[in-house]
Protein backbone atom coordinates (compact mmCIF):
# COMPACT_ATOMS: atom_id res chain seq x y z
CA MET A 1 0.00 0.00 0.00
CA GLY A 2 1.57 3.30 -1.18
CA GLN A 3 1.58 6.70 0.50
CA ASP A 4 -1.52 8.09 -1.29
CA GLN A 5 -3.54 4.92 -0.76
CA THR A 6 -2.53 4.89 2.93
CA LYS A 7 -3.74 8.47 3.30
CA GLN A 8 -7.08 7.68 1.60
CA GLN A 9 -7.69 4.65 3.84
CA ILE A 10 -6.89 6.62 7.00
CA GLU A 11 -9.41 9.30 5.94
CA LYS A 12 -11.98 6.59 5.18
CA GLY A 13 -11.48 5.21 8.69
CA LEU A 14 -11.86 8.68 10.22
CA HIS A 15 -15.12 9.24 8.32
CA LEU A 16 -16.48 5.90 9.61
CA TYR A 17 -15.33 6.68 13.14
CA GLN A 18 -16.99 10.11 13.12
CA SER A 19 -20.18 8.45 11.81
CA ASN A 20 -20.18 6.25 14.93
CA GLN A 21 -19.17 3.12 12.98
CA THR A 22 -16.24 2.40 15.26
CA GLU A 23 -15.68 -1.31 14.55
CA LYS A 24 -15.64 -0.71 10.76
CA ALA A 25 -13.15 2.14 11.26
CA LEU A 26 -10.91 -0.11 13.35
CA ARG A 27 -10.92 -2.79 10.62
CA VAL A 28 -9.91 -0.21 7.98
CA TRP A 29 -7.07 1.12 10.15
CA MET A 30 -5.81 -2.35 11.03
CA ARG A 31 -5.61 -3.19 7.30
CA VAL A 32 -3.52 -0.03 6.76
CA LEU A 33 -1.23 -1.07 9.61
CA GLU A 34 -0.73 -4.53 8.12
CA LYS A 35 -0.23 -3.46 4.48
CA SER A 36 1.23 0.05 4.40
CA ALA A 37 4.93 0.52 3.63
CA ASP A 38 4.80 4.23 4.52
CA PRO A 39 6.22 4.78 8.08
CA ALA A 40 4.62 8.27 8.45
CA GLY A 41 1.24 6.80 7.42
CA ARG A 42 1.70 3.93 9.88
CA PHE A 43 2.51 6.45 12.62
CA ARG A 44 -0.67 8.39 11.88
CA VAL A 45 -2.89 5.30 11.76
CA LEU A 46 -1.44 4.14 15.10
CA GLY A 47 -2.48 7.55 16.51
CA CYS A 48 -6.05 6.92 15.28
CA LEU A 49 -6.07 3.45 16.86
CA ILE A 50 -4.74 4.81 20.17
CA THR A 51 -7.45 7.51 20.33
CA ALA A 52 -10.25 5.09 19.41
CA HIS A 53 -9.20 2.49 21.97
CA ALA A 54 -8.86 5.20 24.63
CA GLU A 55 -12.43 6.36 24.06
CA MET A 56 -13.76 2.80 24.19
CA GLY A 57 -11.89 2.09 27.42
CA ARG A 58 -9.68 -0.59 25.85
CA TYR A 59 -6.66 0.74 27.69
CA LYS A 60 -4.44 -2.33 27.37
CA ASP A 61 -4.85 -2.22 23.57
CA MET A 62 -4.19 1.54 23.71
CA LEU A 63 -0.89 0.83 25.49
CA LYS A 64 0.02 -1.91 23.00
CA PHE A 65 -0.40 0.47 20.03
CA ALA A 66 1.48 3.24 21.88
CA VAL A 67 4.50 0.93 22.25
CA VAL A 68 4.40 0.09 18.50
CA GLN A 69 4.10 3.82 17.72
CA ILE A 70 7.31 4.57 19.65
CA ASP A 71 9.19 2.01 17.51
CA THR A 72 7.74 3.65 14.36
CA ALA A 73 8.78 7.12 15.60
CA ARG A 74 12.36 5.89 16.19
CA GLU A 75 12.39 4.47 12.66
CA LEU A 76 11.34 7.91 11.32
CA GLU A 77 14.04 9.65 13.43
CA ASP A 78 11.74 12.66 13.89
CA PRO A 79 11.68 14.42 17.33
CA ASP A 80 8.07 15.56 16.82
CA PHE A 81 6.87 12.01 16.20
CA LEU A 82 8.90 10.75 19.15
CA THR A 83 7.44 13.38 21.52
CA GLU A 84 3.89 12.55 20.38
CA SER A 85 4.45 8.82 20.84
CA TYR A 86 5.83 9.30 24.38
CA LEU A 87 2.77 11.44 25.19
CA ASN A 88 0.53 8.57 24.00
CA LEU A 89 2.53 6.16 26.15
CA ALA A 90 2.06 8.51 29.15
CA ARG A 91 -1.70 8.80 28.50
CA SER A 92 -2.05 5.00 28.18
CA ASN A 93 -0.40 4.52 31.56
CA GLU A 94 -2.52 7.31 33.07
CA LYS A 95 -5.69 5.50 31.97
CA LEU A 96 -4.36 2.24 33.48
CA CYS A 97 -3.65 4.14 36.75
CA GLU A 98 0.10 3.57 36.45
CA PHE A 99 0.73 7.08 37.73
CA GLN A 100 4.49 6.92 38.40
CA LYS A 101 5.09 5.63 34.85
CA THR A 102 2.86 8.43 33.47
CA ILE A 103 4.95 11.08 35.25
CA SER A 104 8.19 9.49 34.02
CA TYR A 105 7.03 9.44 30.36
CA CYS A 106 5.71 13.02 30.63
CA LYS A 107 9.13 14.16 31.88
CA THR A 108 10.71 12.37 28.90
CA CYS A 109 8.40 14.38 26.59
CA LEU A 110 9.35 17.67 28.22
CA ASN A 111 13.07 16.85 27.95
CA MET A 112 12.76 16.17 24.21
CA GLN A 113 11.50 19.61 23.21
CA GLY A 114 13.00 21.55 20.38
CA THR A 115 10.54 22.04 17.55
CA THR A 116 7.34 24.09 17.30
CA VAL A 117 5.11 21.01 16.95
CA SER A 118 6.62 19.42 20.05
CA LEU A 119 6.12 22.62 22.04
CA GLN A 120 2.42 22.63 21.11
CA LEU A 121 2.07 19.26 22.89
CA ASN A 122 3.39 20.70 26.19
CA GLY A 123 -0.12 21.57 27.37
CA GLN A 124 -1.33 17.99 26.89
CA VAL A 125 1.80 16.67 28.61
CA SER A 126 1.20 18.98 31.59
CA LEU A 127 -2.45 17.89 31.79
CA SER A 128 -1.56 14.19 31.78
CA MET A 129 1.12 14.76 34.43
CA GLY A 130 -1.36 16.75 36.56
CA ASN A 131 -3.90 13.92 36.38
CA ALA A 132 -1.19 11.45 37.49
CA PHE A 133 -0.13 13.64 40.44
CA LEU A 134 -3.82 13.95 41.39
CA GLY A 135 -4.12 10.13 41.26
CA LEU A 136 -1.23 9.98 43.75
CA SER A 137 -2.85 12.74 45.88
CA ILE A 138 0.17 15.05 45.41
CA PHE A 139 -2.04 18.11 45.26
CA GLN A 140 0.43 20.99 44.97
CA LYS A 141 2.22 19.39 41.99
CA ALA A 142 -1.13 18.47 40.39
CA LEU A 143 -2.33 22.08 40.62
CA GLU A 144 1.00 23.36 39.29
CA CYS A 145 0.66 21.10 36.22
CA PHE A 146 -2.99 22.04 35.59
CA GLU A 147 -2.12 25.75 35.77
CA LYS A 148 0.75 25.20 33.28
CA ALA A 149 -1.62 23.33 30.96
CA LEU A 150 -4.14 26.19 31.22
CA ARG A 151 -1.42 28.73 30.31
CA TYR A 152 -0.47 26.67 27.24
CA ALA A 153 -4.16 26.44 26.26
CA HIS A 154 -4.57 30.25 26.53
CA ASN A 155 -1.29 31.02 24.74
CA ASN A 156 -2.14 28.68 21.83
CA ASP A 157 -5.87 29.56 21.86
CA ASP A 158 -6.56 25.82 22.28
CA LYS A 159 -10.17 25.68 23.50
CA MET A 160 -10.33 21.87 23.47
CA LEU A 161 -7.34 21.64 25.82
CA GLU A 162 -8.83 24.39 28.01
CA CYS A 163 -12.05 22.39 28.25
CA ARG A 164 -10.19 19.23 29.35
CA VAL A 165 -8.11 21.15 31.91
CA CYS A 166 -11.26 22.76 33.36
CA CYS A 167 -12.76 19.29 33.88
CA SER A 168 -9.58 18.11 35.62
CA LEU A 169 -9.61 21.22 37.83
CA GLY A 170 -13.23 20.42 38.70
CA ASN A 171 -12.07 16.96 39.81
CA PHE A 172 -9.15 18.50 41.74
CA TYR A 173 -11.37 20.88 43.74
CA THR A 174 -13.96 18.13 44.34
CA GLN A 175 -11.24 16.06 46.02
CA ILE A 176 -10.08 18.87 48.34
CA LYS A 177 -13.69 19.96 48.98
CA ASP A 178 -13.91 23.45 47.55
CA TYR A 179 -17.25 22.70 45.92
CA GLU A 180 -17.78 26.23 44.59
CA LYS A 181 -14.68 25.87 42.38
CA ALA A 182 -15.54 22.19 41.73
CA LEU A 183 -18.70 23.47 40.01
CA PHE A 184 -17.20 26.62 38.47
CA PHE A 185 -14.60 24.82 36.32
CA PRO A 186 -16.87 22.21 34.62
CA CYS A 187 -19.44 25.01 34.06
CA LYS A 188 -16.64 26.91 32.31
CA ALA A 189 -15.91 23.76 30.25
CA ALA A 190 -19.60 23.53 29.29
CA GLU A 191 -19.50 27.19 28.17
CA LEU A 192 -16.47 26.47 25.99
CA VAL A 193 -18.32 23.54 24.38
CA ASN A 194 -21.37 25.75 23.70
CA ASP A 195 -19.29 28.63 22.29
CA TYR A 196 -16.60 26.80 20.31
CA GLY A 197 -17.46 23.10 20.23
CA LYS A 198 -19.69 22.78 17.16
CA GLY A 199 -17.07 20.68 15.37
CA TRP A 200 -15.90 18.82 18.47
CA SER A 201 -16.83 15.35 19.54
CA LEU A 202 -19.87 15.24 21.84
CA LYS A 203 -17.60 13.61 24.42
CA TYR A 204 -16.49 17.08 25.54
CA ARG A 205 -20.08 18.03 26.34
CA ALA A 206 -20.62 14.71 28.12
CA MET A 207 -17.41 15.13 30.12
CA SER A 208 -18.35 18.62 31.37
CA GLN A 209 -21.88 17.49 32.28
CA TYR A 210 -20.51 14.56 34.30
CA HIS A 211 -18.17 16.79 36.34
CA MET A 212 -21.02 19.27 36.90
CA ALA A 213 -23.17 16.37 38.17
CA VAL A 214 -20.48 15.38 40.71
CA ALA A 215 -20.20 18.96 42.01
CA TYR A 216 -23.98 19.43 42.20
CA ARG A 217 -24.29 16.22 44.24
CA LYS A 218 -21.60 17.37 46.66
CA LEU A 219 -23.48 20.66 47.06
CA GLY A 220 -26.70 18.76 47.83
CA ARG A 221 -28.39 19.87 44.59
CA LEU A 222 -29.48 16.34 43.74
CA ALA A 223 -32.06 17.17 41.05
CA ASP A 224 -29.46 19.22 39.11
CA ALA A 225 -26.94 16.42 39.60
CA MET A 226 -29.38 13.87 38.18
CA ASP A 227 -30.18 16.06 35.12
CA CYS A 228 -26.48 16.56 34.24
CA CYS A 229 -25.63 12.90 34.82
CA GLU A 230 -28.53 11.73 32.63
CA GLU A 231 -27.36 13.97 29.78
CA SER A 232 -23.79 12.70 30.12
CA MET A 233 -24.94 9.06 30.23
CA LYS A 234 -27.12 9.52 27.14
CA ILE A 235 -24.12 10.69 25.09
CA ALA A 236 -21.87 7.98 26.58
CA LEU A 237 -24.36 5.28 25.52
CA GLN A 238 -24.72 6.74 22.00
CA HIS A 239 -20.96 6.70 21.48
CA GLY A 240 -20.10 3.44 23.27
CA ASP A 241 -17.97 5.40 25.75
CA ARG A 242 -17.49 2.70 28.41
CA PRO A 243 -15.26 4.73 30.76
CA LEU A 244 -17.81 7.55 30.97
CA GLN A 245 -20.68 5.07 31.39
CA ALA A 246 -18.87 3.64 34.44
CA LEU A 247 -18.39 7.12 35.94
CA CYS A 248 -22.04 8.07 35.32
CA LEU A 249 -23.27 4.85 36.95
CA LEU A 250 -21.08 5.65 39.96
CA CYS A 251 -22.53 9.17 40.09
CA PHE A 252 -26.12 7.84 39.84
CA ALA A 253 -25.37 5.43 42.71
CA ASP A 254 -23.92 8.26 44.82
CA ILE A 255 -27.00 10.42 44.15
CA HIS A 256 -29.31 7.60 45.31
CA ARG A 257 -27.11 7.05 48.37
CA SER A 258 -27.34 10.77 49.17
CA ARG A 259 -31.13 10.29 49.12
CA ARG A 260 -30.68 7.32 51.49
CA ASP A 261 -32.14 5.09 48.76
CA VAL A 262 -29.63 2.28 49.26
CA GLN A 263 -31.63 -0.38 47.39
CA THR A 264 -31.49 1.69 44.18
CA ALA A 265 -27.84 2.61 44.75
CA PHE A 266 -26.45 -0.94 45.07
CA PRO A 267 -27.25 -2.15 41.49
CA ARG A 268 -25.71 1.07 40.06
CA TYR A 269 -22.54 0.47 42.06
CA ASP A 270 -22.47 -3.15 40.82
CA SER A 271 -22.82 -2.05 37.17
CA SER A 272 -20.15 0.62 37.58
CA MET A 273 -17.81 -1.88 39.26
CA SER A 274 -18.28 -4.33 36.41
CA ILE A 275 -17.22 -1.77 33.77
CA MET A 276 -14.39 -0.34 35.91
CA THR A 277 -13.01 -3.89 36.28
CA GLU A 278 -13.38 -4.56 32.54
CA ILE A 279 -11.48 -1.40 31.50
CA GLY A 280 -8.89 -1.49 34.31
CA ASN A 281 -9.84 1.74 36.11
CA ARG A 282 -8.56 0.79 39.58
CA LEU A 283 -8.93 4.32 40.93
CA GLY A 284 -12.58 4.22 39.87
CA LEU A 285 -12.95 0.90 41.69
CA VAL A 286 -11.72 2.53 44.92
CA GLN A 287 -14.45 5.19 44.50
CA VAL A 288 -17.11 2.53 43.90
CA LEU A 289 -16.03 0.55 46.97
CA LEU A 290 -16.12 3.73 49.10
CA GLY A 291 -19.73 4.26 48.04
CA VAL A 292 -20.64 0.62 48.69
CA THR A 293 -19.04 0.84 52.16
CA LYS A 294 -21.14 3.91 53.01
CA CYS A 295 -24.30 2.07 51.90
CA TRP A 296 -23.49 -0.86 54.20
CA MET A 297 -22.90 1.63 57.01
CA ILE A 298 -26.30 3.24 56.40
CA GLN A 299 -27.80 -0.25 56.75
CA LYS A 300 -25.63 -0.86 59.86
CA GLU A 301 -24.09 -3.93 58.16
CA LEU A 302 -20.65 -3.19 59.61
CA ASP A 303 -18.99 -6.54 58.79
CA LYS A 304 -19.90 -6.10 55.11
CA ALA A 305 -18.65 -2.49 55.26
CA LEU A 306 -15.28 -3.72 56.58
CA GLU A 307 -15.07 -6.30 53.75
CA SER A 308 -15.49 -3.51 51.17
CA ILE A 309 -12.93 -1.35 52.99
CA GLU A 310 -10.38 -4.18 52.91
CA LYS A 311 -10.72 -4.56 49.11
CA ALA A 312 -10.52 -0.79 48.59
CA GLN A 313 -7.47 -0.42 50.86
CA GLU A 314 -5.55 -3.01 48.88
CA LEU A 315 -6.33 -1.15 45.64
CA ALA A 316 -5.60 2.33 47.04
CA GLU A 317 -2.26 1.21 48.50
CA GLY A 318 -1.29 -0.46 45.21
CA LEU A 319 -2.04 2.76 43.33
CA GLY A 320 -0.35 5.04 45.87
CA ASN A 321 -3.62 6.97 46.22
CA LYS A 322 -3.25 8.64 49.62
CA LEU A 323 -6.64 10.37 49.64
CA GLY A 324 -8.43 7.07 49.11
CA GLN A 325 -6.45 5.57 52.00
CA LEU A 326 -7.31 8.56 54.22
CA LYS A 327 -11.04 8.21 53.49
CA LEU A 328 -10.90 4.49 54.26
CA HIS A 329 -9.12 5.08 57.59
CA CYS A 330 -11.81 7.65 58.40
CA LEU A 331 -14.59 5.11 57.72
CA CYS A 332 -12.78 2.46 59.80
CA GLU A 333 -12.46 4.98 62.63
CA ARG A 334 -16.26 5.51 62.59
CA ILE A 335 -16.97 1.75 62.55
CA TYR A 336 -14.55 0.92 65.40
CA ARG A 337 -15.79 3.90 67.44
CA THR A 338 -19.34 2.51 67.10
CA ARG A 339 -18.09 -0.93 68.18
CA GLU A 340 -15.97 0.54 70.99
CA GLN A 341 -12.91 -1.35 69.73
CA GLN A 342 -10.30 1.04 71.15
CA ARG A 343 -7.10 -0.57 69.83
CA GLU A 344 -8.35 -0.70 66.22
CA LEU A 345 -9.78 2.81 66.59
CA ARG A 346 -6.41 4.24 67.72
CA ASP A 347 -4.60 2.45 64.88
CA HIS A 348 -6.79 4.09 62.23
CA VAL A 349 -6.67 7.53 63.89
CA VAL A 350 -2.84 7.40 63.73
CA LYS A 351 -2.88 6.27 60.07
CA PHE A 352 -5.45 8.95 59.20
CA HIS A 353 -3.18 11.70 60.59
CA GLU A 354 -0.15 10.21 58.80
CA CYS A 355 -2.04 10.54 55.50
CA VAL A 356 -2.98 14.17 56.29
CA GLU A 357 0.70 14.97 56.97
CA GLU A 358 1.94 13.20 53.84
CA MET A 359 -0.56 15.05 51.63
CA GLU A 360 -0.04 18.38 53.46
CA LEU A 361 -3.81 18.65 53.74
CA TYR A 362 -3.82 21.49 56.24
CA CYS A 363 -3.79 25.28 55.98
CA GLY A 364 -0.30 26.69 56.53
CA MET A 365 -1.82 29.74 58.22
CA CYS A 366 -4.41 28.46 60.70
CA GLY A 367 -3.19 24.86 60.92
CA GLU A 368 -6.72 23.49 60.41
CA SER A 369 -7.27 20.61 57.99
CA ILE A 370 -8.23 21.05 54.33
CA GLY A 371 -10.59 18.60 52.67
CA GLU A 372 -12.52 17.69 55.80
CA LYS A 373 -15.55 19.84 54.86
CA ASN A 374 -16.61 22.23 52.10
CA ASN A 375 -14.37 25.30 52.30
CA GLN A 376 -13.37 28.08 49.90
CA LEU A 377 -9.68 27.74 49.10
CA GLN A 378 -7.18 29.98 47.34
CA ALA A 379 -3.90 28.97 45.71
CA LEU A 380 -0.83 31.22 45.67
CA PRO A 381 1.42 31.41 42.56
CA CYS A 382 3.55 28.55 44.00
CA SER A 383 0.39 26.32 43.94
CA HIS A 384 0.25 25.91 47.73
CA PHE A 385 -3.36 26.48 48.77
CA PHE A 386 -4.92 27.91 51.92
CA HIS A 387 -8.33 28.77 53.32
CA LEU A 388 -9.52 31.86 51.46
CA LYS A 389 -10.64 33.45 54.76
CA CYS A 390 -7.12 32.98 56.22
CA LEU A 391 -5.50 34.78 53.27
CA GLN A 392 -8.08 37.58 53.49
CA THR A 393 -7.63 37.95 57.26
CA ASN A 394 -3.84 37.60 57.51
CA GLY A 395 -2.63 38.61 54.09
CA THR A 396 0.70 37.17 52.99
CA ARG A 397 4.18 38.39 52.10
CA GLY A 398 4.91 35.18 50.29
CA CYS A 399 3.95 31.59 50.94
CA PRO A 400 4.39 30.37 54.55
CA ASN A 401 4.72 26.77 53.29
CA CYS A 402 7.56 27.71 50.92
CA ARG A 403 9.30 29.70 53.70
CA ARG A 404 9.17 26.63 55.97
CA LEU A 405 10.61 24.39 53.22
CA SER A 406 13.52 26.80 52.59
CA VAL A 407 14.64 26.91 56.25
CA LYS A 408 17.90 24.96 56.50
CA PRO A 409 18.58 22.88 59.64
CA GLY A 410 21.28 24.39 61.85
CA TYR A 411 24.45 22.53 62.85
CA VAL A 412 26.08 22.91 66.27
């Protein structure tokens, strides 16, 4: 298959893919991969296969094609191709919750810069790295990466990237419980879709609606949460977007749990768990198991709650997800306090505070914890964040956290 024929077949596959005929598109692209002698064409078709498998939640296949793409990029000896292929390798590992590998591949991308095309990928690299740091609950570095990605999006007038970063920032602020910002950023993403997204995939609309649903639920606006989640799920079902279906099912379950309707919540958690297991989203599984645990606690089935916690702890520890571990220690603390099991209670209180220290989840001004309840937060340029009221009351001549880190130990 020559260069022109390769190009035609790739375009044919793209047309099929955009017409929602995904399996036909995949067959066309696989034929190109098998028969084309054009390395640049093979590189491009591998990019199409990586994107398609990512959207379907076939993350192991996504990783497999990313590895082949790196070999093709080396054959082409082109730094732009190599940077793009390492970004795809980073994104594949991010989806599989291999967060340390994601960060390592992102750093490789950033070290390979040199051409204009490579520099344009910096925003996507920063976003992927931010998502990985968030998966590890390293909040300051996550925020730093998201803010870099947002600057790249603004400088390059890249509205699609801005939309994706806004959704990640919504997730970030949901985790540290500033629910006002958790809603603001996905609402901003939804505005971008409405204003600029006519030619974009509907997945961007679905993604913003899902993150809005999560924030609305946290704010207790359950009817709004349900409306946004239903819209997101409708698009996810139309496009066979399994990862988003799993997230929407989790959100539906959480909404029903918030209404104390445990019997409706359980089947949604089960369905979400099934898809999360199928696609390999282990971080999503931790979230599902947290919800299931809370349902068992509502029903006062504490042995079953502890079983769910045990499964979730194993996953969270394997991922290095400190926030998940903290939440699980908090639930254990409540269970053992109810049972008046003092030794177990003390054990989990100690572990809970260790997690808080490791994640630096406290305000460097008042010393109170961050992420325990809904609070307005404000980040300084260094990406350390504090209670907004503390900054307004005390002001700052620089970051107190950074000052503490720069103090050298004295020697006698």
